[in-house]
PDB file of N, CA and C in Angstrom:
ATOM      1  N   UNK A   1     -26.439   2.052 -25.227  1.00  0.00           N
ATOM      2  CA  UNK A   1     -25.424   1.382 -26.007  1.00  0.00           C
ATOM      3  C   UNK A   1     -24.002   1.717 -25.553  1.00  0.00           C
ATOM      4  N   UNK A   2     -23.709   2.977 -25.116  1.00  0.00           N
ATOM      5  CA  UNK A   2     -22.340   3.251 -24.674  1.00  0.00           C
ATOM      6  C   UNK A   2     -21.958   2.436 -23.427  1.00  0.00           C
ATOM      7  N   UNK A   3     -22.950   2.070 -22.627  1.00  0.00           N
ATOM      8  CA  UNK A   3     -22.643   1.258 -21.439  1.00  0.00           C
ATOM      9  C   UNK A   3     -22.107  -0.116 -21.834  1.00  0.00           C
ATOM     10  N   UNK A   4     -22.596  -0.636 -22.936  1.00  0.00           N
ATOM     11  CA  UNK A   4     -22.116  -1.921 -23.410  1.00  0.00           C
ATOM     12  C   UNK A   4     -20.612  -1.866 -23.672  1.00  0.00           C
ATOM     13  N   UNK A   5     -20.147  -0.811 -24.326  1.00  0.00           N
ATOM     14  CA  UNK A   5     -18.727  -0.694 -24.655  1.00  0.00           C
ATOM     15  C   UNK A   5     -17.886  -0.465 -23.400  1.00  0.00           C
ATOM     16  N   UNK A   6     -18.423   0.248 -22.454  1.00  0.00           N
ATOM     17  CA  UNK A   6     -17.707   0.464 -21.193  1.00  0.00           C
ATOM     18  C   UNK A   6     -17.552  -0.866 -20.453  1.00  0.00           C
ATOM     19  N   UNK A   7     -18.641  -1.614 -20.373  1.00  0.00           N
ATOM     20  CA  UNK A   7     -18.596  -2.916 -19.674  1.00  0.00           C
ATOM     21  C   UNK A   7     -17.681  -3.879 -20.412  1.00  0.00           C
ATOM     22  N   UNK A   8     -17.759  -3.903 -21.722  1.00  0.00           N
ATOM     23  CA  UNK A   8     -16.893  -4.771 -22.510  1.00  0.00           C
ATOM     24  C   UNK A   8     -15.417  -4.388 -22.321  1.00  0.00           C
ATOM     25  N   UNK A   9     -15.129  -3.108 -22.337  1.00  0.00           N
ATOM     26  CA  UNK A   9     -13.755  -2.653 -22.126  1.00  0.00           C
ATOM     27  C   UNK A   9     -13.238  -3.034 -20.744  1.00  0.00           C
ATOM     28  N   UNK A  10     -14.074  -2.877 -19.719  1.00  0.00           N
ATOM     29  CA  UNK A  10     -13.665  -3.262 -18.367  1.00  0.00           C
ATOM     30  C   UNK A  10     -13.444  -4.767 -18.272  1.00  0.00           C
ATOM     31  N   UNK A  11     -14.265  -5.537 -18.954  1.00  0.00           N
ATOM     32  CA  UNK A  11     -14.090  -6.990 -18.945  1.00  0.00           C
ATOM     33  C   UNK A  11     -12.780  -7.392 -19.602  1.00  0.00           C
ATOM     34  N   UNK A  12     -12.436  -6.736 -20.690  1.00  0.00           N
ATOM     35  CA  UNK A  12     -11.195  -7.066 -21.397  1.00  0.00           C
ATOM     36  C   UNK A  12      -9.980  -6.710 -20.548  1.00  0.00           C
ATOM     37  N   UNK A  13      -9.939  -5.501 -19.983  1.00  0.00           N
ATOM     38  CA  UNK A  13      -8.757  -5.115 -19.208  1.00  0.00           C
ATOM     39  C   UNK A  13      -8.656  -5.890 -17.899  1.00  0.00           C
ATOM     40  N   UNK A  14      -9.748  -6.450 -17.426  1.00  0.00           N
ATOM     41  CA  UNK A  14      -9.695  -7.296 -16.236  1.00  0.00           C
ATOM     42  C   UNK A  14      -9.276  -8.713 -16.606  1.00  0.00           C
ATOM     43  N   UNK A  15      -9.734  -9.212 -17.728  1.00  0.00           N
ATOM     44  CA  UNK A  15      -9.458 -10.599 -18.116  1.00  0.00           C
ATOM     45  C   UNK A  15      -8.038 -10.788 -18.630  1.00  0.00           C
ATOM     46  N   UNK A  16      -7.492  -9.813 -19.338  1.00  0.00           N
ATOM     47  CA  UNK A  16      -6.169  -9.984 -19.950  1.00  0.00           C
ATOM     48  C   UNK A  16      -5.092 -10.306 -18.907  1.00  0.00           C
ATOM     49  N   UNK A  17      -4.956  -9.559 -17.804  1.00  0.00           N
ATOM     50  CA  UNK A  17      -3.899  -9.915 -16.844  1.00  0.00           C
ATOM     51  C   UNK A  17      -4.129 -11.259 -16.166  1.00  0.00           C
ATOM     52  N   UNK A  18      -5.353 -11.734 -16.137  1.00  0.00           N
ATOM     53  CA  UNK A  18      -5.632 -13.033 -15.513  1.00  0.00           C
ATOM     54  C   UNK A  18      -5.372 -14.192 -16.463  1.00  0.00           C
ATOM     55  N   UNK A  19      -5.607 -13.985 -17.746  1.00  0.00           N
ATOM     56  CA  UNK A  19      -5.465 -15.055 -18.726  1.00  0.00           C
ATOM     57  C   UNK A  19      -4.044 -15.098 -19.299  1.00  0.00           C
ATOM     58  N   UNK A  20      -3.406 -13.961 -19.419  1.00  0.00           N
ATOM     59  CA  UNK A  20      -2.092 -13.880 -20.045  1.00  0.00           C
ATOM     60  C   UNK A  20      -1.048 -14.800 -19.395  1.00  0.00           C
ATOM     61  N   UNK A  21      -0.949 -14.906 -18.073  1.00  0.00           N
ATOM     62  CA  UNK A  21       0.054 -15.803 -17.492  1.00  0.00           C
ATOM     63  C   UNK A  21      -0.111 -17.267 -17.902  1.00  0.00           C
ATOM     64  N   UNK A  22      -1.298 -17.684 -18.252  1.00  0.00           N
ATOM     65  CA  UNK A  22      -1.497 -19.072 -18.681  1.00  0.00           C
ATOM     66  C   UNK A  22      -0.791 -19.364 -20.001  1.00  0.00           C
ATOM     67  N   UNK A  23      -0.526 -18.342 -20.783  1.00  0.00           N
ATOM     68  CA  UNK A  23       0.108 -18.533 -22.083  1.00  0.00           C
ATOM     69  C   UNK A  23       1.599 -18.195 -22.082  1.00  0.00           C
ATOM     70  N   UNK A  24       2.115 -17.725 -20.948  1.00  0.00           N
ATOM     71  CA  UNK A  24       3.538 -17.407 -20.860  1.00  0.00           C
ATOM     72  C   UNK A  24       4.313 -18.638 -20.419  1.00  0.00           C
ATOM     73  N   UNK A  25       5.536 -18.776 -20.866  1.00  0.00           N
ATOM     74  CA  UNK A  25       6.334 -19.930 -20.428  1.00  0.00           C
ATOM     75  C   UNK A  25       6.623 -19.859 -18.932  1.00  0.00           C
ATOM     76  N   UNK A  26       6.604 -21.010 -18.278  1.00  0.00           N
ATOM     77  CA  UNK A  26       6.817 -21.047 -16.829  1.00  0.00           C
ATOM     78  C   UNK A  26       8.254 -20.722 -16.447  1.00  0.00           C
ATOM     79  N   UNK A  27       9.192 -21.095 -17.257  1.00  0.00           N
ATOM     80  CA  UNK A  27      10.601 -20.903 -16.945  1.00  0.00           C
ATOM     81  C   UNK A  27      11.178 -19.674 -17.647  1.00  0.00           C
ATOM     82  N   UNK A  28      10.367 -18.657 -17.820  1.00  0.00           N
ATOM     83  CA  UNK A  28      10.829 -17.459 -18.510  1.00  0.00           C
ATOM     84  C   UNK A  28      11.827 -16.713 -17.631  1.00  0.00           C
ATOM     85  N   UNK A  29      12.983 -16.396 -18.163  1.00  0.00           N
ATOM     86  CA  UNK A  29      14.022 -15.688 -17.423  1.00  0.00           C
ATOM     87  C   UNK A  29      13.868 -14.185 -17.657  1.00  0.00           C
ATOM     88  N   UNK A  30      13.636 -13.442 -16.581  1.00  0.00           N
ATOM     89  CA  UNK A  30      13.468 -11.997 -16.686  1.00  0.00           C
ATOM     90  C   UNK A  30      14.802 -11.317 -16.397  1.00  0.00           C
ATOM     91  N   UNK A  31      15.037 -10.179 -17.019  1.00  0.00           N
ATOM     92  CA  UNK A  31      16.254  -9.425 -16.690  1.00  0.00           C
ATOM     93  C   UNK A  31      16.231  -9.004 -15.213  1.00  0.00           C
ATOM     94  N   UNK A  32      17.410  -8.784 -14.646  1.00  0.00           N
ATOM     95  CA  UNK A  32      17.488  -8.468 -13.217  1.00  0.00           C
ATOM     96  C   UNK A  32      16.774  -7.163 -12.873  1.00  0.00           C
ATOM     97  N   UNK A  33      16.823  -6.168 -13.784  1.00  0.00           N
ATOM     98  CA  UNK A  33      16.159  -4.905 -13.484  1.00  0.00           C
ATOM     99  C   UNK A  33      14.646  -5.081 -13.442  1.00  0.00           C
ATOM    100  N   UNK A  34      14.076  -5.986 -14.232  1.00  0.00           N
ATOM    101  CA  UNK A  34      12.634  -6.254 -14.200  1.00  0.00           C
ATOM    102  C   UNK A  34      12.261  -6.951 -12.899  1.00  0.00           C
ATOM    103  N   UNK A  35      13.082  -7.898 -12.464  1.00  0.00           N
ATOM    104  CA  UNK A  35      12.809  -8.590 -11.188  1.00  0.00           C
ATOM    105  C   UNK A  35      12.861  -7.614 -10.015  1.00  0.00           C
ATOM    106  N   UNK A  36      13.844  -6.688 -10.019  1.00  0.00           N
ATOM    107  CA  UNK A  36      13.926  -5.687  -8.944  1.00  0.00           C
ATOM    108  C   UNK A  36      12.706  -4.770  -8.965  1.00  0.00           C
ATOM    109  N   UNK A  37      12.286  -4.367 -10.168  1.00  0.00           N
ATOM    110  CA  UNK A  37      11.134  -3.490 -10.294  1.00  0.00           C
ATOM    111  C   UNK A  37       9.872  -4.196  -9.805  1.00  0.00           C
ATOM    112  N   UNK A  38       9.685  -5.451 -10.203  1.00  0.00           N
ATOM    113  CA  UNK A  38       8.505  -6.211  -9.771  1.00  0.00           C
ATOM    114  C   UNK A  38       8.520  -6.469  -8.262  1.00  0.00           C
ATOM    115  N   UNK A  39       9.696  -6.625  -7.681  1.00  0.00           N
ATOM    116  CA  UNK A  39       9.787  -6.839  -6.236  1.00  0.00           C
ATOM    117  C   UNK A  39       9.363  -5.594  -5.460  1.00  0.00           C
ATOM    118  N   UNK A  40       9.499  -4.415  -6.053  1.00  0.00           N
ATOM    119  CA  UNK A  40       9.137  -3.174  -5.365  1.00  0.00           C
ATOM    120  C   UNK A  40       7.656  -2.837  -5.480  1.00  0.00           C
ATOM    121  N   UNK A  41       6.936  -3.473  -6.374  1.00  0.00           N
ATOM    122  CA  UNK A  41       5.527  -3.139  -6.598  1.00  0.00           C
ATOM    123  C   UNK A  41       4.667  -3.306  -5.344  1.00  0.00           C
ATOM    124  N   UNK A  42       4.769  -4.407  -4.580  1.00  0.00           N
ATOM    125  CA  UNK A  42       3.916  -4.516  -3.389  1.00  0.00           C
ATOM    126  C   UNK A  42       4.156  -3.394  -2.380  1.00  0.00           C
ATOM    127  N   UNK A  43       5.402  -2.987  -2.197  1.00  0.00           N
ATOM    128  CA  UNK A  43       5.705  -1.910  -1.255  1.00  0.00           C
ATOM    129  C   UNK A  43       5.155  -0.574  -1.742  1.00  0.00           C
ATOM    130  N   UNK A  44       5.253  -0.327  -3.029  1.00  0.00           N
ATOM    131  CA  UNK A  44       4.719   0.915  -3.584  1.00  0.00           C
ATOM    132  C   UNK A  44       3.198   0.948  -3.460  1.00  0.00           C
ATOM    133  N   UNK A  45       2.549  -0.182  -3.733  1.00  0.00           N
ATOM    134  CA  UNK A  45       1.086  -0.233  -3.625  1.00  0.00           C
ATOM    135  C   UNK A  45       0.653  -0.050  -2.171  1.00  0.00           C
ATOM    136  N   UNK A  46       1.366  -0.677  -1.253  1.00  0.00           N
ATOM    137  CA  UNK A  46       1.031  -0.530   0.164  1.00  0.00           C
ATOM    138  C   UNK A  46       1.199   0.912   0.615  1.00  0.00           C
ATOM    139  N   UNK A  47       2.265   1.542   0.194  1.00  0.00           N
ATOM    140  CA  UNK A  47       2.475   2.944   0.532  1.00  0.00           C
ATOM    141  C   UNK A  47       1.391   3.846  -0.032  1.00  0.00           C
ATOM    142  N   UNK A  48       0.980   3.566  -1.256  1.00  0.00           N
ATOM    143  CA  UNK A  48      -0.082   4.370  -1.875  1.00  0.00           C
ATOM    144  C   UNK A  48      -1.412   4.190  -1.159  1.00  0.00           C
ATOM    145  N   UNK A  49      -1.642   3.022  -0.574  1.00  0.00           N
ATOM    146  CA  UNK A  49      -2.886   2.787   0.162  1.00  0.00           C
ATOM    147  C   UNK A  49      -2.840   3.386   1.562  1.00  0.00           C
ATOM    148  N   UNK A  50      -1.684   3.382   2.194  1.00  0.00           N
ATOM    149  CA  UNK A  50      -1.575   3.814   3.583  1.00  0.00           C
ATOM    150  C   UNK A  50      -1.408   5.322   3.719  1.00  0.00           C
ATOM    151  N   UNK A  51      -0.619   5.949   2.866  1.00  0.00           N
ATOM    152  CA  UNK A  51      -0.253   7.352   3.062  1.00  0.00           C
ATOM    153  C   UNK A  51      -1.440   8.312   3.125  1.00  0.00           C
ATOM    154  N   UNK A  52      -2.456   8.186   2.263  1.00  0.00           N
ATOM    155  CA  UNK A  52      -3.608   9.097   2.407  1.00  0.00           C
ATOM    156  C   UNK A  52      -4.299   8.958   3.765  1.00  0.00           C
ATOM    157  N   UNK A  53      -4.342   7.755   4.312  1.00  0.00           N
ATOM    158  CA  UNK A  53      -4.930   7.560   5.639  1.00  0.00           C
ATOM    159  C   UNK A  53      -4.114   8.219   6.731  1.00  0.00           C
ATOM    160  N   UNK A  54      -2.804   8.214   6.570  1.00  0.00           N
ATOM    161  CA  UNK A  54      -1.936   8.870   7.549  1.00  0.00           C
ATOM    162  C   UNK A  54      -2.240  10.361   7.602  1.00  0.00           C
ATOM    163  N   UNK A  55      -2.437  10.968   6.446  1.00  0.00           N
ATOM    164  CA  UNK A  55      -2.691  12.406   6.408  1.00  0.00           C
ATOM    165  C   UNK A  55      -4.100  12.781   6.851  1.00  0.00           C
ATOM    166  N   UNK A  56      -5.018  11.824   6.901  1.00  0.00           N
ATOM    167  CA  UNK A  56      -6.397  12.163   7.248  1.00  0.00           C
ATOM    168  C   UNK A  56      -6.778  11.762   8.676  1.00  0.00           C
ATOM    169  N   UNK A  57      -5.805  11.379   9.497  1.00  0.00           N
ATOM    170  CA  UNK A  57      -6.102  11.026  10.891  1.00  0.00           C
ATOM    171  C   UNK A  57      -6.754  12.208  11.599  1.00  0.00           C
ATOM    172  N   UNK A  58      -6.144  13.364  11.488  1.00  0.00           N
ATOM    173  CA  UNK A  58      -6.686  14.603  12.050  1.00  0.00           C
ATOM    174  C   UNK A  58      -6.523  15.667  10.969  1.00  0.00           C
ATOM    175  N   UNK A  59      -7.566  15.948  10.194  1.00  0.00           N
ATOM    176  CA  UNK A  59      -7.428  16.856   9.050  1.00  0.00           C
ATOM    177  C   UNK A  59      -6.903  18.244   9.420  1.00  0.00           C
ATOM    178  N   UNK A  60      -7.175  18.704  10.631  1.00  0.00           N
ATOM    179  CA  UNK A  60      -6.677  20.021  11.021  1.00  0.00           C
ATOM    180  C   UNK A  60      -5.208  19.974  11.420  1.00  0.00           C
ATOM    181  N   UNK A  61      -4.700  18.779  11.752  1.00  0.00           N
ATOM    182  CA  UNK A  61      -3.292  18.614  12.149  1.00  0.00           C
ATOM    183  C   UNK A  61      -2.716  17.361  11.475  1.00  0.00           C
ATOM    184  N   UNK A  62      -2.341  17.454  10.202  1.00  0.00           N
ATOM    185  CA  UNK A  62      -1.847  16.257   9.509  1.00  0.00           C
ATOM    186  C   UNK A  62      -0.541  15.717  10.086  1.00  0.00           C
ATOM    187  N   UNK A  63       0.186  16.544  10.818  1.00  0.00           N
ATOM    188  CA  UNK A  63       1.446  16.079  11.408  1.00  0.00           C
ATOM    189  C   UNK A  63       1.224  15.014  12.472  1.00  0.00           C
ATOM    190  N   UNK A  64       0.017  14.938  13.058  1.00  0.00           N
ATOM    191  CA  UNK A  64      -0.282  13.875  14.026  1.00  0.00           C
ATOM    192  C   UNK A  64      -0.208  12.511  13.336  1.00  0.00           C
ATOM    193  N   UNK A  65      -0.806  12.398  12.170  1.00  0.00           N
ATOM    194  CA  UNK A  65      -0.746  11.146  11.423  1.00  0.00           C
ATOM    195  C   UNK A  65       0.655  10.828  10.949  1.00  0.00           C
ATOM    196  N   UNK A  66       1.394  11.871  10.543  1.00  0.00           N
ATOM    197  CA  UNK A  66       2.776  11.638  10.116  1.00  0.00           C
ATOM    198  C   UNK A  66       3.629  11.113  11.269  1.00  0.00           C
ATOM    199  N   UNK A  67       3.442  11.657  12.456  1.00  0.00           N
ATOM    200  CA  UNK A  67       4.186  11.156  13.612  1.00  0.00           C
ATOM    201  C   UNK A  67       3.758   9.729  13.962  1.00  0.00           C
ATOM    202  N   UNK A  68       2.477   9.428  13.796  1.00  0.00           N
ATOM    203  CA  UNK A  68       2.020   8.059  14.004  1.00  0.00           C
ATOM    204  C   UNK A  68       2.657   7.102  12.999  1.00  0.00           C
ATOM    205  N   UNK A  69       2.764   7.536  11.754  1.00  0.00           N
ATOM    206  CA  UNK A  69       3.430   6.727  10.736  1.00  0.00           C
ATOM    207  C   UNK A  69       4.900   6.516  11.060  1.00  0.00           C
ATOM    208  N   UNK A  70       5.545   7.566  11.563  1.00  0.00           N
ATOM    209  CA  UNK A  70       6.940   7.423  11.978  1.00  0.00           C
ATOM    210  C   UNK A  70       7.061   6.504  13.189  1.00  0.00           C
ATOM    211  N   UNK A  71       6.062   6.549  14.080  1.00  0.00           N
ATOM    212  CA  UNK A  71       6.062   5.644  15.228  1.00  0.00           C
ATOM    213  C   UNK A  71       5.948   4.190  14.795  1.00  0.00           C
ATOM    214  N   UNK A  72       5.273   3.929  13.717  1.00  0.00           N
ATOM    215  CA  UNK A  72       5.150   2.562  13.196  1.00  0.00           C
ATOM    216  C   UNK A  72       6.397   2.129  12.450  1.00  0.00           C
ATOM    217  N   UNK A  73       7.162   3.107  11.993  1.00  0.00           N
ATOM    218  CA  UNK A  73       8.344   2.797  11.194  1.00  0.00           C
ATOM    219  C   UNK A  73       9.440   2.110  12.003  1.00  0.00           C
ATOM    220  N   UNK A  74       9.659   2.537  13.228  1.00  0.00           N
ATOM    221  CA  UNK A  74      10.750   1.974  14.030  1.00  0.00           C
ATOM    222  C   UNK A  74      10.573   0.477  14.306  1.00  0.00           C
ATOM    223  N   UNK A  75       9.419   0.019  14.822  1.00  0.00           N
ATOM    224  CA  UNK A  75       9.264  -1.432  15.009  1.00  0.00           C
ATOM    225  C   UNK A  75       9.368  -2.218  13.695  1.00  0.00           C
ATOM    226  N   UNK A  76       8.852  -1.637  12.622  1.00  0.00           N
ATOM    227  CA  UNK A  76       8.933  -2.326  11.323  1.00  0.00           C
ATOM    228  C   UNK A  76      10.387  -2.431  10.872  1.00  0.00           C
ATOM    229  N   UNK A  77      11.143  -1.367  11.089  1.00  0.00           N
ATOM    230  CA  UNK A  77      12.542  -1.350  10.692  1.00  0.00           C
ATOM    231  C   UNK A  77      13.353  -2.362  11.499  1.00  0.00           C
ATOM    232  N   UNK A  78      12.971  -2.562  12.756  1.00  0.00           N
ATOM    233  CA  UNK A  78      13.662  -3.523  13.616  1.00  0.00           C
ATOM    234  C   UNK A  78      13.218  -4.960  13.345  1.00  0.00           C
ATOM    235  N   UNK A  79      12.284  -5.157  12.434  1.00  0.00           N
ATOM    236  CA  UNK A  79      11.840  -6.504  12.077  1.00  0.00           C
ATOM    237  C   UNK A  79      10.830  -7.088  13.044  1.00  0.00           C
ATOM    238  N   UNK A  80      10.197  -6.240  13.831  1.00  0.00           N
ATOM    239  CA  UNK A  80       9.187  -6.714  14.780  1.00  0.00           C
ATOM    240  C   UNK A  80       7.912  -7.084  14.027  1.00  0.00           C
ATOM    241  N   UNK A  81       7.026  -7.834  14.669  1.00  0.00           N
ATOM    242  CA  UNK A  81       5.782  -8.231  13.996  1.00  0.00           C
ATOM    243  C   UNK A  81       4.911  -7.029  13.630  1.00  0.00           C
ATOM    244  N   UNK A  82       4.001  -7.266  12.703  1.00  0.00           N
ATOM    245  CA  UNK A  82       3.095  -6.217  12.238  1.00  0.00           C
ATOM    246  C   UNK A  82       2.294  -5.612  13.389  1.00  0.00           C
ATOM    247  N   UNK A  83       1.890  -6.454  14.341  1.00  0.00           N
ATOM    248  CA  UNK A  83       1.116  -5.959  15.480  1.00  0.00           C
ATOM    249  C   UNK A  83       1.872  -4.923  16.287  1.00  0.00           C
ATOM    250  N   UNK A  84       3.189  -5.061  16.387  1.00  0.00           N
ATOM    251  CA  UNK A  84       3.995  -4.081  17.123  1.00  0.00           C
ATOM    252  C   UNK A  84       3.991  -2.735  16.414  1.00  0.00           C
ATOM    253  N   UNK A  85       4.107  -2.753  15.093  1.00  0.00           N
ATOM    254  CA  UNK A  85       4.045  -1.502  14.335  1.00  0.00           C
ATOM    255  C   UNK A  85       2.680  -0.850  14.462  1.00  0.00           C
ATOM    256  N   UNK A  86       1.653  -1.653  14.387  1.00  0.00           N
ATOM    257  CA  UNK A  86       0.296  -1.145  14.522  1.00  0.00           C
ATOM    258  C   UNK A  86       0.075  -0.548  15.905  1.00  0.00           C
ATOM    259  N   UNK A  87       0.507  -1.255  16.950  1.00  0.00           N
ATOM    260  CA  UNK A  87       0.347  -0.764  18.317  1.00  0.00           C
ATOM    261  C   UNK A  87       1.135   0.523  18.534  1.00  0.00           C
ATOM    262  N   UNK A  88       2.320   0.612  17.976  1.00  0.00           N
ATOM    263  CA  UNK A  88       3.128   1.825  18.126  1.00  0.00           C
ATOM    264  C   UNK A  88       2.449   3.015  17.457  1.00  0.00           C
ATOM    265  N   UNK A  89       1.925   2.813  16.259  1.00  0.00           N
ATOM    266  CA  UNK A  89       1.255   3.905  15.555  1.00  0.00           C
ATOM    267  C   UNK A  89       0.019   4.367  16.310  1.00  0.00           C
ATOM    268  N   UNK A  90      -0.771   3.426  16.784  1.00  0.00           N
ATOM    269  CA  UNK A  90      -1.985   3.786  17.527  1.00  0.00           C
ATOM    270  C   UNK A  90      -1.621   4.504  18.817  1.00  0.00           C
ATOM    271  N   UNK A  91      -0.596   4.030  19.497  1.00  0.00           N
ATOM    272  CA  UNK A  91      -0.178   4.655  20.760  1.00  0.00           C
ATOM    273  C   UNK A  91       0.295   6.090  20.540  1.00  0.00           C
ATOM    274  N   UNK A  92       1.072   6.309  19.488  1.00  0.00           N
ATOM    275  CA  UNK A  92       1.565   7.662  19.211  1.00  0.00           C
ATOM    276  C   UNK A  92       0.412   8.592  18.878  1.00  0.00           C
ATOM    277  N   UNK A  93      -0.484   8.165  17.999  1.00  0.00           N
ATOM    278  CA  UNK A  93      -1.614   9.021  17.614  1.00  0.00           C
ATOM    279  C   UNK A  93      -2.530   9.262  18.810  1.00  0.00           C
ATOM    280  N   UNK A  94      -2.797   8.228  19.589  1.00  0.00           N
ATOM    281  CA  UNK A  94      -3.658   8.391  20.758  1.00  0.00           C
ATOM    282  C   UNK A  94      -3.033   9.355  21.763  1.00  0.00           C
ATOM    283  N   UNK A  95      -1.750   9.206  22.023  1.00  0.00           N
ATOM    284  CA  UNK A  95      -1.070  10.089  22.977  1.00  0.00           C
ATOM    285  C   UNK A  95      -1.095  11.535  22.493  1.00  0.00           C
ATOM    286  N   UNK A  96      -0.847  11.738  21.212  1.00  0.00           N
ATOM    287  CA  UNK A  96      -0.870  13.112  20.683  1.00  0.00           C
ATOM    288  C   UNK A  96      -2.273  13.697  20.738  1.00  0.00           C
ATOM    289  N   UNK A  97      -3.275  12.900  20.400  1.00  0.00           N
ATOM    290  CA  UNK A  97      -4.655  13.401  20.469  1.00  0.00           C
ATOM    291  C   UNK A  97      -5.021  13.736  21.917  1.00  0.00           C
ATOM    292  N   UNK A  98      -4.578  12.901  22.854  1.00  0.00           N
ATOM    293  CA  UNK A  98      -4.889  13.137  24.271  1.00  0.00           C
ATOM    294  C   UNK A  98      -4.184  14.385  24.781  1.00  0.00           C
ATOM    295  N   UNK A  99      -2.930  14.583  24.371  1.00  0.00           N
ATOM    296  CA  UNK A  99      -2.170  15.756  24.812  1.00  0.00           C
ATOM    297  C   UNK A  99      -2.693  17.046  24.199  1.00  0.00           C
ATOM    298  N   UNK A 100      -3.235  16.978  23.007  1.00  0.00           N
ATOM    299  CA  UNK A 100      -3.680  18.187  22.306  1.00  0.00           C
ATOM    300  C   UNK A 100      -5.105  18.594  22.673  1.00  0.00           C
ATOM    301  N   UNK A 101      -5.843  17.729  23.368  1.00  0.00           N
ATOM    302  CA  UNK A 101      -7.218  18.088  23.738  1.00  0.00           C
ATOM    303  C   UNK A 101      -7.335  18.401  25.168  1.00  0.00           C
TER     304      UNK A 101
END
């Protein structure tokens, strides 16, 4: 019986964010601070997904992953395509792994 309540609770918290926008006005004006906060959410979520992977590239040497992340930062900062950032990060990590072994 407790599983029923767990499943029901998960269904409710999943359904509410999907159904709620259908009942909100389309032309709702949000305050500027809310718009700025909502604009930052994708970047925060992406950072939360990527950062643990950066630290686990080489568990004995987490600085290798950090340097790889910094290597990806420069092309991204210059507005280059995603592939350039990815290639830079892989190249930095590969070079460091090759030099350290």
